[in-house]
N, C-alpha and C. Protein backbone atom coordinates (compact mmCIF):
# COMPACT_ATOMS: atom_id res chain seq x y z
N MET A 1 72.72 128.79 109.76
CA MET A 1 74.13 129.06 109.84
C MET A 1 74.32 130.46 110.39
N LEU A 2 75.15 130.59 111.39
CA LEU A 2 75.41 131.86 112.05
C LEU A 2 76.82 132.30 111.71
N ASP A 3 76.98 133.46 111.08
CA ASP A 3 78.29 134.01 110.77
C ASP A 3 78.47 135.31 111.55
N ARG A 4 79.61 135.44 112.16
CA ARG A 4 79.92 136.66 112.88
C ARG A 4 81.29 137.13 112.40
N SER A 5 81.41 138.41 112.05
CA SER A 5 82.66 138.92 111.50
C SER A 5 83.79 138.84 112.50
N SER A 6 84.98 138.61 111.98
CA SER A 6 86.18 138.59 112.79
C SER A 6 86.63 140.02 113.06
N PRO A 7 87.33 140.22 114.18
CA PRO A 7 87.90 141.54 114.42
C PRO A 7 88.92 141.85 113.33
N GLN A 8 89.06 143.10 112.97
CA GLN A 8 90.02 143.50 111.96
C GLN A 8 91.44 143.36 112.50
N LEU A 9 92.32 142.84 111.67
CA LEU A 9 93.72 142.71 112.04
C LEU A 9 94.45 143.98 111.63
N THR A 10 95.44 144.37 112.42
CA THR A 10 96.27 145.50 112.04
C THR A 10 97.54 144.95 111.43
N GLY A 11 98.03 145.62 110.40
CA GLY A 11 99.25 145.17 109.73
C GLY A 11 98.95 143.98 108.84
N ASN A 12 99.99 143.38 108.30
CA ASN A 12 99.85 142.23 107.42
C ASN A 12 100.23 140.97 108.19
N PRO A 13 99.27 140.07 108.42
CA PRO A 13 99.56 138.88 109.22
C PRO A 13 100.37 137.82 108.46
N ILE A 14 100.51 137.96 107.15
CA ILE A 14 101.23 136.97 106.35
C ILE A 14 102.73 137.24 106.45
N PRO A 15 103.50 136.28 106.97
CA PRO A 15 104.95 136.47 107.09
C PRO A 15 105.62 136.62 105.72
N ASP A 16 106.74 137.33 105.69
CA ASP A 16 107.46 137.55 104.44
C ASP A 16 107.81 136.24 103.74
N TYR A 17 108.30 135.24 104.49
CA TYR A 17 108.70 133.99 103.85
C TYR A 17 107.54 133.34 103.12
N LEU A 18 106.33 133.44 103.67
CA LEU A 18 105.17 132.84 103.02
C LEU A 18 104.83 133.60 101.74
N ARG A 19 104.85 134.92 101.83
CA ARG A 19 104.55 135.74 100.65
C ARG A 19 105.62 135.60 99.57
N ASN A 20 106.88 135.55 99.97
CA ASN A 20 107.98 135.54 99.01
C ASN A 20 108.27 134.17 98.40
N VAL A 21 108.09 133.11 99.15
CA VAL A 21 108.48 131.78 98.68
C VAL A 21 107.28 130.91 98.30
N TYR A 22 106.22 130.96 99.09
CA TYR A 22 105.11 130.02 98.91
C TYR A 22 103.81 130.64 98.43
N ALA A 23 103.85 131.90 98.02
CA ALA A 23 102.62 132.56 97.59
C ALA A 23 101.94 131.79 96.47
N TRP A 24 102.70 131.26 95.54
CA TRP A 24 102.13 130.52 94.41
C TRP A 24 101.34 129.31 94.89
N ALA A 25 101.78 128.67 95.96
CA ALA A 25 101.14 127.43 96.41
C ALA A 25 100.01 127.65 97.41
N TYR A 26 100.11 128.70 98.23
CA TYR A 26 99.14 128.85 99.32
C TYR A 26 98.33 130.13 99.29
N LEU A 27 98.75 131.10 98.50
CA LEU A 27 98.08 132.40 98.54
C LEU A 27 97.49 132.82 97.20
N THR A 28 97.57 131.96 96.19
CA THR A 28 97.08 132.29 94.84
C THR A 28 95.76 131.55 94.61
N PRO A 29 94.64 132.30 94.64
CA PRO A 29 93.32 131.64 94.58
C PRO A 29 93.12 130.69 93.41
N TRP A 30 93.52 131.06 92.20
CA TRP A 30 93.25 130.19 91.06
C TRP A 30 94.05 128.90 91.11
N LEU A 31 95.23 128.91 91.76
CA LEU A 31 96.03 127.70 91.86
C LEU A 31 95.52 126.75 92.94
N THR A 32 94.88 127.30 93.96
CA THR A 32 94.41 126.43 95.04
C THR A 32 93.38 125.42 94.54
N GLY A 33 92.61 125.82 93.54
CA GLY A 33 91.64 124.89 92.95
C GLY A 33 92.31 123.69 92.30
N LEU A 34 93.51 123.89 91.80
CA LEU A 34 94.26 122.79 91.21
C LEU A 34 95.00 121.97 92.27
N LEU A 35 95.56 122.66 93.26
CA LEU A 35 96.39 121.99 94.25
C LEU A 35 95.60 121.28 95.35
N ASP A 36 94.41 121.77 95.64
CA ASP A 36 93.63 121.21 96.75
C ASP A 36 92.85 119.98 96.30
N ARG A 37 93.60 118.97 95.90
CA ARG A 37 93.04 117.70 95.44
C ARG A 37 93.84 116.57 96.08
N GLN A 38 93.16 115.53 96.45
CA GLN A 38 93.83 114.42 97.12
C GLN A 38 94.91 113.79 96.24
N VAL A 39 94.70 113.76 94.93
CA VAL A 39 95.70 113.17 94.03
C VAL A 39 97.00 113.99 94.07
N VAL A 40 96.90 115.30 94.21
CA VAL A 40 98.09 116.15 94.31
C VAL A 40 98.83 115.86 95.61
N VAL A 41 98.08 115.77 96.71
CA VAL A 41 98.69 115.46 98.01
C VAL A 41 99.35 114.09 97.95
N GLN A 42 98.69 113.13 97.35
CA GLN A 42 99.24 111.78 97.22
C GLN A 42 100.55 111.82 96.43
N THR A 43 100.60 112.61 95.38
CA THR A 43 101.81 112.73 94.56
C THR A 43 102.94 113.40 95.34
N ILE A 44 102.65 114.50 96.01
CA ILE A 44 103.67 115.22 96.79
C ILE A 44 104.27 114.32 97.85
N LEU A 45 103.47 113.47 98.45
CA LEU A 45 103.93 112.58 99.52
C LEU A 45 104.35 111.20 98.99
N TRP A 46 104.68 111.14 97.70
CA TRP A 46 105.21 109.92 97.09
C TRP A 46 104.30 108.72 97.31
N GLY A 47 102.99 108.95 97.21
CA GLY A 47 102.04 107.85 97.33
C GLY A 47 101.70 107.44 98.75
N ASN A 48 102.17 108.20 99.72
CA ASN A 48 101.97 107.82 101.13
C ASN A 48 100.86 108.59 101.85
N ALA A 49 100.17 109.49 101.17
CA ALA A 49 99.19 110.34 101.85
C ALA A 49 98.13 109.53 102.58
N GLN A 50 97.46 108.62 101.89
CA GLN A 50 96.37 107.91 102.54
C GLN A 50 96.87 107.00 103.66
N ARG A 51 98.06 106.43 103.50
CA ARG A 51 98.64 105.62 104.57
C ARG A 51 98.89 106.48 105.82
N LEU A 52 99.43 107.68 105.62
CA LEU A 52 99.67 108.58 106.75
C LEU A 52 98.35 109.01 107.39
N ILE A 53 97.36 109.30 106.57
CA ILE A 53 96.04 109.67 107.09
C ILE A 53 95.44 108.52 107.88
N ARG A 54 95.55 107.29 107.36
CA ARG A 54 95.04 106.12 108.08
C ARG A 54 95.70 105.97 109.44
N ASP A 55 97.02 106.25 109.52
CA ASP A 55 97.73 106.16 110.79
C ASP A 55 97.17 107.17 111.80
N VAL A 56 96.91 108.37 111.35
CA VAL A 56 96.33 109.40 112.24
C VAL A 56 94.93 108.99 112.65
N LEU A 57 94.13 108.55 111.70
CA LEU A 57 92.75 108.16 112.01
C LEU A 57 92.70 106.97 112.97
N ALA A 58 93.67 106.08 112.89
CA ALA A 58 93.72 104.94 113.80
C ALA A 58 93.99 105.39 115.24
N ALA A 59 94.70 106.50 115.37
CA ALA A 59 95.02 107.02 116.71
C ALA A 59 93.92 107.93 117.25
N ALA A 60 93.11 108.51 116.37
CA ALA A 60 92.04 109.43 116.78
C ALA A 60 90.78 108.64 117.11
N LYS A 61 90.17 109.00 118.22
CA LYS A 61 88.95 108.33 118.66
C LYS A 61 87.78 109.32 118.67
N SER A 62 86.60 108.80 118.61
CA SER A 62 85.41 109.63 118.71
C SER A 62 85.47 110.42 120.02
N GLY A 63 85.22 111.72 119.92
CA GLY A 63 85.23 112.58 121.10
C GLY A 63 86.59 113.19 121.41
N ASP A 64 87.64 112.83 120.67
CA ASP A 64 88.98 113.39 120.92
C ASP A 64 89.01 114.88 120.65
N ARG A 65 89.96 115.55 121.31
CA ARG A 65 90.26 116.96 121.08
C ARG A 65 91.60 117.01 120.35
N ILE A 66 91.62 117.60 119.16
CA ILE A 66 92.81 117.59 118.31
C ILE A 66 93.11 118.99 117.80
N PHE A 67 94.39 119.38 117.87
CA PHE A 67 94.86 120.64 117.33
C PHE A 67 95.61 120.36 116.03
N GLN A 68 95.17 120.98 114.95
CA GLN A 68 95.85 120.88 113.65
C GLN A 68 96.45 122.26 113.38
N PRO A 69 97.79 122.39 113.43
CA PRO A 69 98.42 123.72 113.39
C PRO A 69 98.43 124.42 112.04
N ALA A 70 97.93 123.80 111.00
CA ALA A 70 97.86 124.46 109.69
C ALA A 70 96.79 123.79 108.84
N ALA A 71 96.19 124.58 107.98
CA ALA A 71 95.27 124.02 106.99
C ALA A 71 96.11 123.21 106.01
N VAL A 72 95.53 122.14 105.47
CA VAL A 72 96.26 121.31 104.52
C VAL A 72 95.38 121.02 103.31
N TYR A 73 96.04 120.79 102.19
CA TYR A 73 95.32 120.41 100.99
C TYR A 73 94.85 118.97 101.11
N GLY A 74 93.83 118.64 100.33
CA GLY A 74 93.32 117.28 100.31
C GLY A 74 92.22 117.07 101.34
N SER A 75 91.93 115.81 101.62
CA SER A 75 90.77 115.44 102.43
C SER A 75 91.09 115.17 103.90
N PHE A 76 92.34 115.41 104.33
CA PHE A 76 92.75 115.07 105.69
C PHE A 76 91.83 115.67 106.76
N SER A 77 91.62 116.97 106.72
CA SER A 77 90.85 117.64 107.78
C SER A 77 89.42 117.11 107.86
N ARG A 78 88.80 116.89 106.73
CA ARG A 78 87.44 116.37 106.72
C ARG A 78 87.39 114.95 107.28
N GLN A 79 88.35 114.10 106.86
CA GLN A 79 88.39 112.74 107.39
C GLN A 79 88.61 112.74 108.90
N LEU A 80 89.48 113.63 109.38
CA LEU A 80 89.75 113.72 110.81
C LEU A 80 88.52 114.20 111.58
N ALA A 81 87.85 115.22 111.05
CA ALA A 81 86.63 115.72 111.70
C ALA A 81 85.56 114.64 111.77
N GLU A 82 85.41 113.87 110.69
CA GLU A 82 84.44 112.78 110.69
C GLU A 82 84.82 111.71 111.72
N GLN A 83 86.11 111.44 111.85
CA GLN A 83 86.59 110.42 112.80
C GLN A 83 86.29 110.79 114.25
N ILE A 84 86.56 112.04 114.62
CA ILE A 84 86.35 112.43 116.03
C ILE A 84 84.88 112.71 116.32
N GLY A 85 84.11 112.95 115.28
CA GLY A 85 82.66 113.05 115.44
C GLY A 85 82.15 114.32 116.09
N ARG A 86 80.86 114.34 116.27
CA ARG A 86 80.14 115.52 116.78
C ARG A 86 80.59 115.94 118.17
N HIS A 87 81.05 115.02 118.98
CA HIS A 87 81.45 115.37 120.35
C HIS A 87 82.94 115.60 120.48
N GLY A 88 83.67 115.48 119.37
CA GLY A 88 85.09 115.77 119.39
C GLY A 88 85.34 117.25 119.16
N ARG A 89 86.60 117.61 119.22
CA ARG A 89 86.99 119.00 118.96
C ARG A 89 88.20 118.98 118.04
N LEU A 90 88.07 119.65 116.91
CA LEU A 90 89.17 119.81 115.96
C LEU A 90 89.43 121.30 115.82
N ASP A 91 90.60 121.72 116.26
CA ASP A 91 90.99 123.12 116.21
C ASP A 91 92.04 123.25 115.11
N ILE A 92 91.68 123.95 114.04
CA ILE A 92 92.57 124.15 112.90
C ILE A 92 92.92 125.63 112.83
N ARG A 93 94.22 125.92 112.77
CA ARG A 93 94.64 127.32 112.67
C ARG A 93 95.55 127.48 111.46
N ASP A 94 95.42 128.63 110.82
CA ASP A 94 96.29 128.95 109.70
C ASP A 94 96.40 130.45 109.59
N ILE A 95 97.55 130.92 109.15
CA ILE A 95 97.80 132.35 109.04
C ILE A 95 97.22 132.94 107.75
N ALA A 96 96.98 132.10 106.76
CA ALA A 96 96.52 132.58 105.45
C ALA A 96 95.00 132.54 105.36
N PRO A 97 94.37 133.70 105.19
CA PRO A 97 92.90 133.74 105.09
C PRO A 97 92.36 132.83 103.98
N LEU A 98 93.06 132.73 102.87
CA LEU A 98 92.62 131.87 101.77
C LEU A 98 92.56 130.41 102.21
N GLN A 99 93.55 129.97 102.96
CA GLN A 99 93.57 128.58 103.44
C GLN A 99 92.46 128.34 104.46
N VAL A 100 92.18 129.33 105.29
CA VAL A 100 91.07 129.21 106.25
C VAL A 100 89.76 129.07 105.49
N ALA A 101 89.58 129.89 104.45
CA ALA A 101 88.34 129.83 103.66
C ALA A 101 88.19 128.47 102.96
N LEU A 102 89.29 127.94 102.42
CA LEU A 102 89.22 126.63 101.77
C LEU A 102 88.86 125.53 102.76
N THR A 103 89.45 125.60 103.95
CA THR A 103 89.14 124.60 104.97
C THR A 103 87.68 124.70 105.40
N ARG A 104 87.20 125.91 105.52
CA ARG A 104 85.78 126.11 105.86
C ARG A 104 84.88 125.44 104.82
N GLN A 105 85.22 125.60 103.54
CA GLN A 105 84.43 124.98 102.47
C GLN A 105 84.49 123.45 102.56
N LYS A 106 85.68 122.93 102.84
CA LYS A 106 85.83 121.46 102.90
C LYS A 106 85.06 120.86 104.06
N LEU A 107 84.91 121.61 105.14
CA LEU A 107 84.22 121.08 106.32
C LEU A 107 82.73 121.43 106.32
N ALA A 108 82.28 122.15 105.32
CA ALA A 108 80.87 122.52 105.23
C ALA A 108 79.99 121.27 105.23
N GLY A 109 78.89 121.36 105.91
CA GLY A 109 77.95 120.26 105.94
C GLY A 109 78.18 119.30 107.10
N LEU A 110 79.32 119.42 107.77
CA LEU A 110 79.58 118.54 108.91
C LEU A 110 78.98 119.09 110.21
N PHE A 111 78.65 120.36 110.22
CA PHE A 111 78.26 121.00 111.47
C PHE A 111 76.93 121.71 111.33
N ARG A 112 76.24 121.85 112.44
CA ARG A 112 74.95 122.52 112.45
C ARG A 112 75.10 124.03 112.42
N ARG A 113 76.15 124.54 113.02
CA ARG A 113 76.28 125.98 113.20
C ARG A 113 77.69 126.43 112.88
N LEU A 114 77.83 127.58 112.26
CA LEU A 114 79.13 128.14 111.93
C LEU A 114 79.23 129.50 112.59
N THR A 115 80.26 129.71 113.38
CA THR A 115 80.45 130.99 114.06
C THR A 115 81.87 131.46 113.83
N TRP A 116 82.04 132.73 113.50
CA TRP A 116 83.36 133.31 113.28
C TRP A 116 83.76 134.10 114.50
N HIS A 117 84.94 133.81 115.05
CA HIS A 117 85.43 134.54 116.23
C HIS A 117 86.70 135.32 115.91
N ALA A 118 87.84 134.68 115.96
CA ALA A 118 89.11 135.37 115.76
C ALA A 118 89.65 135.09 114.37
N ALA A 119 90.28 136.08 113.78
CA ALA A 119 90.81 135.93 112.44
C ALA A 119 91.86 134.83 112.37
N MET A 120 91.89 134.13 111.26
CA MET A 120 92.87 133.10 110.95
C MET A 120 92.82 131.90 111.88
N ARG A 121 91.70 131.63 112.49
CA ARG A 121 91.59 130.46 113.35
C ARG A 121 90.29 129.74 113.01
N LEU A 122 90.38 128.46 112.85
CA LEU A 122 89.21 127.64 112.55
C LEU A 122 89.11 126.61 113.65
N THR A 123 87.99 126.54 114.34
CA THR A 123 87.84 125.58 115.42
C THR A 123 86.53 124.85 115.28
N ARG A 124 86.56 123.53 115.41
CA ARG A 124 85.33 122.74 115.44
C ARG A 124 85.19 122.25 116.86
N ASN A 125 84.08 122.60 117.49
CA ASN A 125 83.87 122.22 118.88
C ASN A 125 82.41 121.81 119.04
N GLU A 126 82.21 120.52 119.27
CA GLU A 126 80.88 119.98 119.51
C GLU A 126 79.85 120.49 118.51
N GLY A 127 80.15 120.33 117.23
CA GLY A 127 79.19 120.72 116.21
C GLY A 127 79.33 122.16 115.76
N ASN A 128 80.27 122.90 116.32
CA ASN A 128 80.44 124.29 115.94
C ASN A 128 81.79 124.46 115.24
N LEU A 129 81.83 125.30 114.24
CA LEU A 129 83.06 125.64 113.57
C LEU A 129 83.29 127.10 113.80
N THR A 130 84.46 127.47 114.29
CA THR A 130 84.72 128.85 114.66
C THR A 130 85.96 129.36 113.96
N ARG A 131 85.89 130.56 113.50
CA ARG A 131 87.07 131.20 112.93
C ARG A 131 87.37 132.43 113.73
């Protein structure tokens, strides 16, 4: 596994609205362990989470290039990465370092090499995961 540090960011990259309104849900480490469960996602989406995921997976093919504009709780990103396979590209971006770290953990084991590039960006490209 190859890790390379991200360039340092200047200022605070977290927008005020995220810090002021959603910090409890997305920026609080001890709560993420409770919230990052498929049953929670299923509940929030009124029982439709897996149906929505199945719809996305039906449209995604092996080798596809997909942009996911935010990290999400639950198993969506891992299922999508598995669907597009080793020759696909899944680019996941998120402004919250905690969410990037959680996504990195969820995708661990799917790739041969892990490389960190730019802060707050997670990219899977042909077996590589990049932040």
